[in-house]
Amino acid sequence: MKNKLLLLLSTTTLLLACENKPNEEVEHSEDVADTNTQENSSKIEDDIVLFNNSVVAHTDMAEVQIAQLMELDEQDVNAEEMIAAAEKVKLDIQDRVNDLTHLKAVGNGSEDFLKAAIDHLSTVERLTDIYIDFADNLSVPDSLWNEEMGKLWLNLAEPVFLEYEDSYELLEIAQGNFSSLNDKDLVPSFDKTLEELQEETQ
């Protein structure tokens, strides 16, 4: 009887152990799944921030370079200096467009944000052509422009500058939507001053 009781107890213990083991495995699997989910979520959030920063870095630098061309325009530098500066900016912008074209979009609304950035940089490139084409006229102080020079600027250059401003606004909207759709407080640096941007890019 005692042996039967011991056998019964050992069998019961074995059954309990077998019953507990699946539960422990399930709990462990759930813990692992939760950990993996948290890690994946954290990685996605990091990727979203990294994607945002990559796009903004390119667009910010484009603004710095356009501002520098505008400063040269204000100084009425000679045509050779303006053309050299504008061609250098144009090549850099082309590289940035290429980089963004190969950048993987991450997060909700990221494709629209990326497209807006590429469109804006393409407009910046067209602006560099304006500075190249009008280099001779820009070397002349505005007060000395004749009527023909003014008409040329109004008809050929002004539309590109308006397109540039519009694409910039669309870029800001796209970045704001991207931030909102991903519930991230992504602070754009579009509103920074030229001095701040130049300090960061030096």
N, C-alpha and C. Protein backbone atom coordinates (compact mmCIF):
# COMPACT_ATOMS: atom_id res chain seq x y z
N MET A 1 0.84 -1.20 0.00
CA MET A 1 0.00 0.00 0.00
C MET A 1 0.87 1.24 0.00
N LYS A 2 1.92 1.20 0.81
CA LYS A 2 2.82 2.35 0.90
C LYS A 2 3.51 2.58 -0.44
N ASN A 3 3.91 1.46 -1.12
CA ASN A 3 4.55 1.59 -2.42
C ASN A 3 3.60 2.16 -3.45
N LYS A 4 2.31 1.72 -3.37
CA LYS A 4 1.31 2.25 -4.30
C LYS A 4 1.09 3.74 -4.07
N LEU A 5 1.10 4.14 -2.77
CA LEU A 5 0.90 5.55 -2.43
C LEU A 5 2.06 6.38 -2.97
N LEU A 6 3.28 5.86 -2.79
CA LEU A 6 4.45 6.58 -3.29
C LEU A 6 4.39 6.68 -4.81
N LEU A 7 3.95 5.59 -5.46
CA LEU A 7 3.84 5.59 -6.91
C LEU A 7 2.80 6.60 -7.36
N LEU A 8 1.68 6.66 -6.63
CA LEU A 8 0.62 7.61 -6.95
C LEU A 8 1.10 9.04 -6.79
N LEU A 9 1.84 9.29 -5.69
CA LEU A 9 2.37 10.64 -5.44
C LEU A 9 3.37 11.05 -6.52
N SER A 10 4.22 10.09 -6.89
CA SER A 10 5.23 10.40 -7.91
C SER A 10 4.56 10.65 -9.26
N THR A 11 3.50 9.89 -9.55
CA THR A 11 2.76 10.09 -10.80
C THR A 11 2.07 11.44 -10.81
N THR A 12 1.47 11.81 -9.67
CA THR A 12 0.79 13.10 -9.55
C THR A 12 1.78 14.25 -9.73
N THR A 13 2.94 14.09 -9.10
CA THR A 13 3.98 15.12 -9.23
C THR A 13 4.42 15.27 -10.68
N LEU A 14 4.55 14.13 -11.37
CA LEU A 14 4.96 14.15 -12.77
C LEU A 14 3.91 14.84 -13.62
N LEU A 15 2.62 14.54 -13.34
CA LEU A 15 1.54 15.17 -14.09
C LEU A 15 1.52 16.68 -13.87
N LEU A 16 1.72 17.10 -12.63
CA LEU A 16 1.75 18.53 -12.33
C LEU A 16 2.91 19.21 -13.05
N ALA A 17 4.05 18.49 -13.06
CA ALA A 17 5.22 19.05 -13.72
C ALA A 17 4.96 19.19 -15.22
N CYS A 18 4.31 18.19 -15.80
CA CYS A 18 4.00 18.24 -17.21
C CYS A 18 2.98 19.33 -17.52
N GLU A 19 2.03 19.52 -16.63
CA GLU A 19 1.02 20.55 -16.82
C GLU A 19 1.62 21.94 -16.69
N ASN A 20 2.55 22.09 -15.77
CA ASN A 20 3.15 23.41 -15.53
C ASN A 20 4.12 23.80 -16.65
N LYS A 21 4.78 22.81 -17.22
CA LYS A 21 5.81 23.11 -18.20
C LYS A 21 5.26 23.86 -19.41
N PRO A 22 4.14 23.42 -20.02
CA PRO A 22 3.61 24.18 -21.15
C PRO A 22 3.25 25.61 -20.75
N ASN A 23 2.66 25.79 -19.56
CA ASN A 23 2.30 27.13 -19.11
C ASN A 23 3.53 28.01 -19.00
N GLU A 24 4.61 27.40 -18.44
CA GLU A 24 5.85 28.17 -18.30
C GLU A 24 6.42 28.52 -19.67
N GLU A 25 6.30 27.56 -20.62
CA GLU A 25 6.80 27.82 -21.97
C GLU A 25 5.99 28.92 -22.64
N VAL A 26 4.68 28.91 -22.44
CA VAL A 26 3.80 29.93 -23.02
C VAL A 26 4.15 31.30 -22.46
N GLU A 27 4.30 31.33 -21.10
CA GLU A 27 4.64 32.60 -20.47
C GLU A 27 5.98 33.12 -20.97
N HIS A 28 6.94 32.20 -21.11
CA HIS A 28 8.26 32.59 -21.61
C HIS A 28 8.16 33.10 -23.04
N SER A 29 7.37 32.39 -23.86
CA SER A 29 7.20 32.81 -25.25
C SER A 29 6.55 34.17 -25.34
N GLU A 30 5.57 34.41 -24.45
CA GLU A 30 4.91 35.71 -24.44
C GLU A 30 5.88 36.81 -24.03
N ASP A 31 6.73 36.50 -23.04
CA ASP A 31 7.73 37.48 -22.61
C ASP A 31 8.70 37.81 -23.74
N VAL A 32 9.13 36.75 -24.44
CA VAL A 32 10.05 36.95 -25.56
C VAL A 32 9.38 37.76 -26.66
N ALA A 33 8.10 37.43 -26.93
CA ALA A 33 7.36 38.16 -27.97
C ALA A 33 7.21 39.62 -27.60
N ASP A 34 6.89 39.88 -26.32
CA ASP A 34 6.75 41.27 -25.86
C ASP A 34 8.06 42.02 -26.01
N THR A 35 9.14 41.34 -25.63
CA THR A 35 10.47 41.97 -25.73
C THR A 35 10.81 42.28 -27.18
N ASN A 36 10.54 41.30 -28.07
CA ASN A 36 10.83 41.50 -29.49
C ASN A 36 9.99 42.62 -30.07
N THR A 37 8.71 42.67 -29.64
CA THR A 37 7.82 43.73 -30.12
C THR A 37 8.31 45.09 -29.69
N GLN A 38 8.74 45.18 -28.42
CA GLN A 38 9.26 46.45 -27.91
C GLN A 38 10.52 46.86 -28.65
N GLU A 39 11.40 45.86 -28.89
CA GLU A 39 12.65 46.16 -29.60
C GLU A 39 12.37 46.60 -31.03
N ASN A 40 11.42 45.90 -31.70
CA ASN A 40 11.08 46.26 -33.07
C ASN A 40 10.46 47.65 -33.13
N SER A 41 9.57 47.91 -32.16
CA SER A 41 8.92 49.23 -32.10
C SER A 41 9.94 50.33 -31.88
N SER A 42 10.89 50.06 -30.98
CA SER A 42 11.94 51.04 -30.70
C SER A 42 12.81 51.27 -31.93
N LYS A 43 13.11 50.19 -32.66
CA LYS A 43 13.94 50.31 -33.86
C LYS A 43 13.22 51.12 -34.93
N ILE A 44 11.92 50.87 -35.09
CA ILE A 44 11.14 51.61 -36.08
C ILE A 44 11.12 53.09 -35.74
N GLU A 45 10.93 53.39 -34.44
CA GLU A 45 10.93 54.78 -34.01
C GLU A 45 12.28 55.44 -34.29
N ASP A 46 13.36 54.70 -34.01
CA ASP A 46 14.70 55.23 -34.29
C ASP A 46 14.89 55.46 -35.78
N ASP A 47 14.38 54.51 -36.60
CA ASP A 47 14.51 54.62 -38.04
C ASP A 47 13.73 55.82 -38.57
N ILE A 48 12.56 56.08 -37.97
CA ILE A 48 11.73 57.22 -38.38
C ILE A 48 12.47 58.52 -38.11
N VAL A 49 13.05 58.62 -36.93
CA VAL A 49 13.81 59.83 -36.57
C VAL A 49 15.02 59.99 -37.49
N LEU A 50 15.71 58.88 -37.75
CA LEU A 50 16.89 58.91 -38.61
C LEU A 50 16.51 59.33 -40.03
N PHE A 51 15.39 58.80 -40.52
CA PHE A 51 14.91 59.16 -41.85
C PHE A 51 14.59 60.65 -41.92
N ASN A 52 13.87 61.13 -40.93
CA ASN A 52 13.52 62.56 -40.87
C ASN A 52 14.78 63.43 -40.88
N ASN A 53 15.73 63.06 -40.04
CA ASN A 53 16.96 63.85 -39.93
C ASN A 53 17.77 63.83 -41.23
N SER A 54 17.74 62.70 -41.92
CA SER A 54 18.47 62.59 -43.18
C SER A 54 17.88 63.52 -44.24
N VAL A 55 16.55 63.53 -44.32
CA VAL A 55 15.88 64.39 -45.29
C VAL A 55 16.12 65.86 -44.97
N VAL A 56 15.93 66.20 -43.69
CA VAL A 56 16.07 67.60 -43.27
C VAL A 56 17.50 68.09 -43.46
N ALA A 57 18.47 67.21 -43.24
CA ALA A 57 19.88 67.60 -43.40
C ALA A 57 20.15 68.05 -44.84
N HIS A 58 19.59 67.31 -45.80
CA HIS A 58 19.80 67.67 -47.21
C HIS A 58 19.08 68.97 -47.57
N THR A 59 17.83 69.11 -47.13
CA THR A 59 17.07 70.31 -47.49
C THR A 59 17.63 71.54 -46.79
N ASP A 60 18.08 71.37 -45.55
CA ASP A 60 18.67 72.50 -44.83
C ASP A 60 19.92 73.01 -45.54
N MET A 61 20.76 72.09 -45.97
CA MET A 61 22.00 72.48 -46.63
C MET A 61 21.70 73.20 -47.94
N ALA A 62 20.65 72.77 -48.61
CA ALA A 62 20.25 73.45 -49.85
C ALA A 62 19.85 74.89 -49.57
N GLU A 63 19.16 75.11 -48.45
CA GLU A 63 18.76 76.47 -48.08
C GLU A 63 19.97 77.33 -47.78
N VAL A 64 20.95 76.75 -47.13
CA VAL A 64 22.19 77.49 -46.82
C VAL A 64 22.85 77.94 -48.12
N GLN A 65 22.92 77.04 -49.08
CA GLN A 65 23.62 77.34 -50.33
C GLN A 65 22.87 78.36 -51.17
N ILE A 66 21.54 78.27 -51.20
CA ILE A 66 20.77 79.27 -51.94
C ILE A 66 20.91 80.64 -51.28
N ALA A 67 20.92 80.66 -49.96
CA ALA A 67 21.10 81.92 -49.24
C ALA A 67 22.45 82.54 -49.57
N GLN A 68 23.46 81.70 -49.75
CA GLN A 68 24.79 82.21 -50.10
C GLN A 68 24.80 82.81 -51.50
N LEU A 69 24.06 82.19 -52.43
CA LEU A 69 23.95 82.75 -53.77
C LEU A 69 23.20 84.08 -53.74
N MET A 70 22.19 84.16 -52.89
CA MET A 70 21.45 85.41 -52.75
C MET A 70 22.35 86.52 -52.20
N GLU A 71 23.23 86.15 -51.29
CA GLU A 71 24.16 87.13 -50.74
C GLU A 71 25.12 87.63 -51.82
N LEU A 72 25.57 86.72 -52.68
CA LEU A 72 26.44 87.13 -53.78
C LEU A 72 25.70 88.07 -54.72
N ASP A 73 24.42 87.78 -54.93
CA ASP A 73 23.59 88.65 -55.76
C ASP A 73 23.51 90.05 -55.15
N GLU A 74 23.31 90.12 -53.85
CA GLU A 74 23.24 91.40 -53.16
C GLU A 74 24.55 92.19 -53.29
N GLN A 75 25.64 91.46 -53.36
CA GLN A 75 26.96 92.10 -53.44
C GLN A 75 27.33 92.49 -54.88
N ASP A 76 26.48 92.12 -55.84
CA ASP A 76 26.74 92.43 -57.26
C ASP A 76 28.12 91.94 -57.71
N VAL A 77 28.43 90.68 -57.33
CA VAL A 77 29.74 90.13 -57.70
C VAL A 77 29.81 89.97 -59.21
N ASN A 78 31.01 89.84 -59.74
CA ASN A 78 31.16 89.70 -61.19
C ASN A 78 30.57 88.36 -61.66
N ALA A 79 30.30 88.29 -62.95
CA ALA A 79 29.62 87.13 -63.52
C ALA A 79 30.40 85.84 -63.30
N GLU A 80 31.72 85.90 -63.44
CA GLU A 80 32.54 84.69 -63.28
C GLU A 80 32.40 84.09 -61.88
N GLU A 81 32.41 84.95 -60.87
CA GLU A 81 32.28 84.47 -59.49
C GLU A 81 30.90 83.87 -59.25
N MET A 82 29.87 84.52 -59.78
CA MET A 82 28.51 84.01 -59.60
C MET A 82 28.33 82.67 -60.30
N ILE A 83 28.82 82.57 -61.51
CA ILE A 83 28.69 81.31 -62.26
C ILE A 83 29.42 80.17 -61.56
N ALA A 84 30.62 80.44 -61.10
CA ALA A 84 31.41 79.41 -60.41
C ALA A 84 30.69 78.93 -59.15
N ALA A 85 30.14 79.87 -58.38
CA ALA A 85 29.44 79.52 -57.14
C ALA A 85 28.17 78.74 -57.44
N ALA A 86 27.41 79.19 -58.44
CA ALA A 86 26.15 78.54 -58.77
C ALA A 86 26.36 77.14 -59.33
N GLU A 87 27.40 76.97 -60.15
CA GLU A 87 27.69 75.64 -60.70
C GLU A 87 28.11 74.67 -59.60
N LYS A 88 28.84 75.17 -58.63
CA LYS A 88 29.25 74.33 -57.50
C LYS A 88 28.04 73.88 -56.70
N VAL A 89 27.12 74.82 -56.46
CA VAL A 89 25.89 74.48 -55.73
C VAL A 89 25.05 73.49 -56.53
N LYS A 90 24.97 73.70 -57.83
CA LYS A 90 24.17 72.82 -58.68
C LYS A 90 24.66 71.37 -58.59
N LEU A 91 25.96 71.18 -58.67
CA LEU A 91 26.52 69.83 -58.58
C LEU A 91 26.22 69.19 -57.23
N ASP A 92 26.32 69.99 -56.17
CA ASP A 92 26.04 69.48 -54.83
C ASP A 92 24.57 69.09 -54.70
N ILE A 93 23.68 69.92 -55.24
CA ILE A 93 22.25 69.62 -55.18
C ILE A 93 21.93 68.35 -55.95
N GLN A 94 22.56 68.16 -57.09
CA GLN A 94 22.35 66.94 -57.87
C GLN A 94 22.75 65.70 -57.07
N ASP A 95 23.85 65.80 -56.33
CA ASP A 95 24.28 64.69 -55.47
C ASP A 95 23.26 64.43 -54.37
N ARG A 96 22.71 65.49 -53.83
CA ARG A 96 21.73 65.35 -52.75
C ARG A 96 20.43 64.74 -53.26
N VAL A 97 20.02 65.13 -54.44
CA VAL A 97 18.83 64.53 -55.04
C VAL A 97 19.06 63.03 -55.26
N ASN A 98 20.24 62.68 -55.72
CA ASN A 98 20.58 61.27 -55.93
C ASN A 98 20.56 60.50 -54.61
N ASP A 99 21.09 61.11 -53.56
CA ASP A 99 21.09 60.46 -52.24
C ASP A 99 19.66 60.22 -51.76
N LEU A 100 18.82 61.23 -51.91
CA LEU A 100 17.43 61.10 -51.44
C LEU A 100 16.66 60.10 -52.29
N THR A 101 16.99 60.02 -53.56
CA THR A 101 16.32 59.06 -54.45
C THR A 101 16.57 57.63 -53.99
N HIS A 102 17.73 57.39 -53.40
CA HIS A 102 18.08 56.04 -52.94
C HIS A 102 17.82 55.85 -51.44
N LEU A 103 17.25 56.86 -50.80
CA LEU A 103 16.95 56.75 -49.37
C LEU A 103 15.66 55.95 -49.18
N LYS A 104 15.68 54.98 -48.27
CA LYS A 104 14.50 54.16 -48.00
C LYS A 104 13.53 54.93 -47.13
N ALA A 105 12.29 55.04 -47.61
CA ALA A 105 11.25 55.74 -46.85
C ALA A 105 10.82 54.88 -45.66
N VAL A 106 10.72 55.49 -44.49
CA VAL A 106 10.35 54.77 -43.27
C VAL A 106 9.25 55.53 -42.54
N GLY A 107 8.15 54.85 -42.24
CA GLY A 107 7.07 55.48 -41.48
C GLY A 107 5.91 55.92 -42.36
N ASN A 108 4.78 56.17 -41.73
CA ASN A 108 3.59 56.63 -42.44
C ASN A 108 3.82 58.02 -43.01
N GLY A 109 3.46 58.19 -44.27
CA GLY A 109 3.63 59.49 -44.91
C GLY A 109 5.05 59.79 -45.34
N SER A 110 5.94 58.82 -45.17
CA SER A 110 7.35 59.07 -45.49
C SER A 110 7.59 59.23 -46.99
N GLU A 111 6.82 58.52 -47.81
CA GLU A 111 7.01 58.62 -49.26
C GLU A 111 6.63 60.01 -49.76
N ASP A 112 5.54 60.56 -49.22
CA ASP A 112 5.13 61.91 -49.61
C ASP A 112 6.16 62.94 -49.14
N PHE A 113 6.68 62.73 -47.93
CA PHE A 113 7.70 63.63 -47.38
C PHE A 113 8.96 63.59 -48.24
N LEU A 114 9.36 62.38 -48.60
CA LEU A 114 10.57 62.22 -49.42
C LEU A 114 10.38 62.84 -50.80
N LYS A 115 9.21 62.63 -51.38
CA LYS A 115 8.93 63.20 -52.71
C LYS A 115 8.95 64.73 -52.65
N ALA A 116 8.38 65.29 -51.58
CA ALA A 116 8.37 66.75 -51.43
C ALA A 116 9.78 67.30 -51.31
N ALA A 117 10.64 66.56 -50.62
CA ALA A 117 12.03 66.99 -50.45
C ALA A 117 12.77 66.95 -51.79
N ILE A 118 12.56 65.87 -52.55
CA ILE A 118 13.22 65.75 -53.86
C ILE A 118 12.71 66.83 -54.81
N ASP A 119 11.40 67.07 -54.79
CA ASP A 119 10.83 68.11 -55.65
C ASP A 119 11.40 69.48 -55.30
N HIS A 120 11.55 69.74 -54.00
CA HIS A 120 12.09 71.03 -53.58
C HIS A 120 13.54 71.18 -54.03
N LEU A 121 14.34 70.15 -53.84
CA LEU A 121 15.74 70.23 -54.26
C LEU A 121 15.86 70.38 -55.77
N SER A 122 14.93 69.77 -56.50
CA SER A 122 14.94 69.93 -57.96
C SER A 122 14.65 71.38 -58.33
N THR A 123 13.78 72.02 -57.56
CA THR A 123 13.50 73.44 -57.78
C THR A 123 14.72 74.29 -57.43
N VAL A 124 15.42 73.90 -56.38
CA VAL A 124 16.66 74.60 -56.01
C VAL A 124 17.67 74.51 -57.15
N GLU A 125 17.74 73.34 -57.77
CA GLU A 125 18.67 73.18 -58.90
C GLU A 125 18.30 74.13 -60.04
N ARG A 126 17.00 74.28 -60.30
CA ARG A 126 16.58 75.21 -61.35
C ARG A 126 16.93 76.65 -60.98
N LEU A 127 16.92 76.95 -59.69
CA LEU A 127 17.32 78.28 -59.25
C LEU A 127 18.79 78.55 -59.57
N THR A 128 19.61 77.53 -59.42
CA THR A 128 21.04 77.71 -59.73
C THR A 128 21.22 78.05 -61.21
N ASP A 129 20.36 77.48 -62.06
CA ASP A 129 20.42 77.81 -63.49
C ASP A 129 20.09 79.28 -63.72
N ILE A 130 19.15 79.80 -62.92
CA ILE A 130 18.79 81.22 -63.04
C ILE A 130 20.00 82.10 -62.71
N TYR A 131 20.69 81.75 -61.63
CA TYR A 131 21.87 82.53 -61.25
C TYR A 131 22.97 82.43 -62.30
N ILE A 132 23.08 81.28 -62.95
CA ILE A 132 24.07 81.12 -64.02
C ILE A 132 23.69 81.94 -65.25
N ASP A 133 22.42 81.79 -65.67
CA ASP A 133 21.96 82.46 -66.89
C ASP A 133 21.93 83.99 -66.75
N PHE A 134 21.65 84.46 -65.54
CA PHE A 134 21.54 85.91 -65.31
C PHE A 134 22.79 86.49 -64.64
N ALA A 135 23.88 85.76 -64.66
CA ALA A 135 25.09 86.20 -63.96
C ALA A 135 25.55 87.59 -64.42
N ASP A 136 25.49 87.84 -65.72
CA ASP A 136 25.91 89.15 -66.23
C ASP A 136 25.01 90.27 -65.70
N ASN A 137 23.71 90.05 -65.75
CA ASN A 137 22.78 91.07 -65.28
C ASN A 137 22.87 91.27 -63.77
N LEU A 138 23.10 90.18 -63.03
CA LEU A 138 23.16 90.28 -61.57
C LEU A 138 24.41 91.01 -61.10
N SER A 139 25.39 91.12 -61.95
CA SER A 139 26.59 91.87 -61.58
C SER A 139 26.35 93.38 -61.64
N VAL A 140 25.22 93.75 -62.25
CA VAL A 140 24.85 95.16 -62.36
C VAL A 140 23.91 95.52 -61.20
N PRO A 141 24.16 96.61 -60.48
CA PRO A 141 23.26 97.03 -59.40
C PRO A 141 21.83 97.18 -59.91
N ASP A 142 20.86 96.79 -59.09
CA ASP A 142 19.45 96.83 -59.50
C ASP A 142 19.05 98.21 -60.02
N SER A 143 19.57 99.24 -59.41
CA SER A 143 19.19 100.61 -59.79
C SER A 143 19.63 100.96 -61.22
N LEU A 144 20.54 100.18 -61.78
CA LEU A 144 21.05 100.46 -63.12
C LEU A 144 20.46 99.53 -64.18
N TRP A 145 19.54 98.67 -63.77
CA TRP A 145 18.92 97.78 -64.74
C TRP A 145 18.06 98.59 -65.70
N ASN A 146 18.06 98.18 -66.96
CA ASN A 146 17.16 98.82 -67.92
C ASN A 146 15.85 98.02 -68.02
N GLU A 147 14.95 98.50 -68.81
CA GLU A 147 13.63 97.88 -68.92
C GLU A 147 13.70 96.45 -69.45
N GLU A 148 14.55 96.23 -70.42
CA GLU A 148 14.68 94.89 -70.99
C GLU A 148 15.19 93.89 -69.96
N MET A 149 16.16 94.29 -69.16
CA MET A 149 16.70 93.41 -68.12
C MET A 149 15.63 93.07 -67.10
N GLY A 150 14.82 94.07 -66.76
CA GLY A 150 13.74 93.85 -65.81
C GLY A 150 12.69 92.89 -66.33
N LYS A 151 12.34 93.03 -67.62
CA LYS A 151 11.34 92.15 -68.21
C LYS A 151 11.84 90.70 -68.27
N LEU A 152 13.10 90.55 -68.63
CA LEU A 152 13.68 89.21 -68.68
C LEU A 152 13.61 88.53 -67.32
N TRP A 153 13.97 89.27 -66.28
CA TRP A 153 13.93 88.72 -64.92
C TRP A 153 12.50 88.37 -64.52
N LEU A 154 11.59 89.28 -64.83
CA LEU A 154 10.19 89.07 -64.46
C LEU A 154 9.60 87.85 -65.16
N ASN A 155 9.94 87.66 -66.41
CA ASN A 155 9.34 86.58 -67.20
C ASN A 155 10.03 85.23 -67.01
N LEU A 156 11.32 85.25 -66.76
CA LEU A 156 12.07 83.99 -66.69
C LEU A 156 12.50 83.58 -65.28
N ALA A 157 12.89 84.55 -64.48
CA ALA A 157 13.42 84.23 -63.15
C ALA A 157 12.34 84.18 -62.07
N GLU A 158 11.46 85.16 -62.08
CA GLU A 158 10.44 85.24 -61.03
C GLU A 158 9.60 83.97 -60.92
N PRO A 159 9.15 83.36 -62.03
CA PRO A 159 8.37 82.12 -61.92
C PRO A 159 9.11 81.00 -61.19
N VAL A 160 10.41 80.92 -61.40
CA VAL A 160 11.21 79.88 -60.73
C VAL A 160 11.31 80.16 -59.24
N PHE A 161 11.46 81.43 -58.87
CA PHE A 161 11.51 81.79 -57.45
C PHE A 161 10.17 81.50 -56.77
N LEU A 162 9.07 81.75 -57.47
CA LEU A 162 7.74 81.45 -56.92
C LEU A 162 7.57 79.94 -56.76
N GLU A 163 8.05 79.19 -57.74
CA GLU A 163 8.01 77.73 -57.66
C GLU A 163 8.84 77.23 -56.48
N TYR A 164 9.96 77.87 -56.27
CA TYR A 164 10.83 77.53 -55.14
C TYR A 164 10.11 77.76 -53.81
N GLU A 165 9.43 78.89 -53.67
CA GLU A 165 8.70 79.20 -52.44
C GLU A 165 7.55 78.22 -52.23
N ASP A 166 6.84 77.88 -53.31
CA ASP A 166 5.73 76.94 -53.20
C ASP A 166 6.21 75.55 -52.80
N SER A 167 7.30 75.11 -53.39
CA SER A 167 7.82 73.77 -53.07
C SER A 167 8.32 73.71 -51.63
N TYR A 168 8.80 74.84 -51.15
CA TYR A 168 9.27 74.91 -49.76
C TYR A 168 8.09 74.76 -48.79
N GLU A 169 6.98 75.43 -49.11
CA GLU A 169 5.78 75.32 -48.28
C GLU A 169 5.23 73.90 -48.30
N LEU A 170 5.22 73.28 -49.47
CA LEU A 170 4.75 71.90 -49.58
C LEU A 170 5.64 70.95 -48.79
N LEU A 171 6.93 71.24 -48.76
CA LEU A 171 7.87 70.43 -47.98
C LEU A 171 7.55 70.54 -46.49
N GLU A 172 7.28 71.74 -46.02
CA GLU A 172 6.94 71.93 -44.61
C GLU A 172 5.66 71.18 -44.26
N ILE A 173 4.67 71.25 -45.15
CA ILE A 173 3.40 70.55 -44.92
C ILE A 173 3.62 69.04 -44.87
N ALA A 174 4.40 68.52 -45.81
CA ALA A 174 4.67 67.08 -45.87
C ALA A 174 5.40 66.61 -44.63
N GLN A 175 6.35 67.42 -44.15
CA GLN A 175 7.09 67.05 -42.94
C GLN A 175 6.18 67.07 -41.72
N GLY A 176 5.27 68.04 -41.67
CA GLY A 176 4.32 68.11 -40.56
C GLY A 176 3.38 66.92 -40.56
N ASN A 177 2.90 66.52 -41.75
CA ASN A 177 2.03 65.35 -41.86
C ASN A 177 2.77 64.08 -41.45
N PHE A 178 4.01 63.97 -41.88
CA PHE A 178 4.84 62.81 -41.53
C PHE A 178 4.99 62.71 -40.02
N SER A 179 5.24 63.82 -39.38
CA SER A 179 5.39 63.86 -37.92
C SER A 179 4.10 63.46 -37.23
N SER A 180 2.98 64.00 -37.72
CA SER A 180 1.68 63.72 -37.11
C SER A 180 1.25 62.27 -37.31
N LEU A 181 1.43 61.74 -38.50
CA LEU A 181 1.01 60.37 -38.80
C LEU A 181 1.78 59.34 -38.00
N ASN A 182 2.99 59.67 -37.61
CA ASN A 182 3.81 58.74 -36.83
C ASN A 182 3.82 59.08 -35.34
N ASP A 183 2.97 60.06 -34.97
CA ASP A 183 2.85 60.46 -33.57
C ASP A 183 4.21 60.76 -32.97
N LYS A 184 5.01 61.48 -33.73
CA LYS A 184 6.35 61.83 -33.28
C LYS A 184 6.49 63.35 -33.26
N ASP A 185 7.13 63.84 -32.23
CA ASP A 185 7.40 65.27 -32.13
C ASP A 185 8.71 65.57 -32.85
N LEU A 186 8.64 65.51 -34.18
CA LEU A 186 9.83 65.75 -34.99
C LEU A 186 9.92 67.23 -35.29
N VAL A 187 10.86 67.87 -34.65
CA VAL A 187 11.00 69.31 -34.82
C VAL A 187 11.82 69.58 -36.07
N PRO A 188 11.19 70.19 -37.09
CA PRO A 188 11.95 70.50 -38.30
C PRO A 188 12.89 71.66 -38.07
N SER A 189 13.96 71.71 -38.82
CA SER A 189 14.89 72.83 -38.69
C SER A 189 14.73 73.80 -39.84
N PHE A 190 13.58 73.68 -40.56
CA PHE A 190 13.34 74.57 -41.69
C PHE A 190 13.29 76.04 -41.25
N ASP A 191 12.85 76.28 -40.02
CA ASP A 191 12.66 77.65 -39.56
C ASP A 191 13.90 78.25 -38.91
N LYS A 192 15.00 77.53 -38.91
CA LYS A 192 16.21 78.06 -38.30
C LYS A 192 16.77 79.20 -39.15
N THR A 193 17.50 80.06 -38.52
CA THR A 193 18.11 81.18 -39.23
C THR A 193 19.28 80.69 -40.07
N LEU A 194 19.67 81.50 -41.03
CA LEU A 194 20.80 81.14 -41.88
C LEU A 194 22.06 80.95 -41.05
N GLU A 195 22.26 81.82 -40.06
CA GLU A 195 23.45 81.73 -39.22
C GLU A 195 23.49 80.41 -38.46
N GLU A 196 22.33 79.97 -37.95
CA GLU A 196 22.27 78.71 -37.21
C GLU A 196 22.59 77.53 -38.12
N LEU A 197 22.04 77.56 -39.33
CA LEU A 197 22.29 76.47 -40.27
C LEU A 197 23.75 76.42 -40.70
N GLN A 198 24.33 77.58 -40.91
CA GLN A 198 25.73 77.62 -41.32
C GLN A 198 26.65 77.09 -40.23
N GLU A 199 26.33 77.41 -38.97
CA GLU A 199 27.13 76.92 -37.85
C GLU A 199 27.07 75.40 -37.77
N GLU A 200 25.88 74.82 -38.01
CA GLU A 200 25.71 73.37 -37.91
C GLU A 200 26.39 72.63 -39.05
N THR A 201 26.54 73.29 -40.20
CA THR A 201 27.10 72.61 -41.36
C THR A 201 28.58 72.87 -41.55
N GLN A 202 29.19 73.66 -40.68
CA GLN A 202 30.62 73.94 -40.77
C GLN A 202 31.43 72.78 -40.21
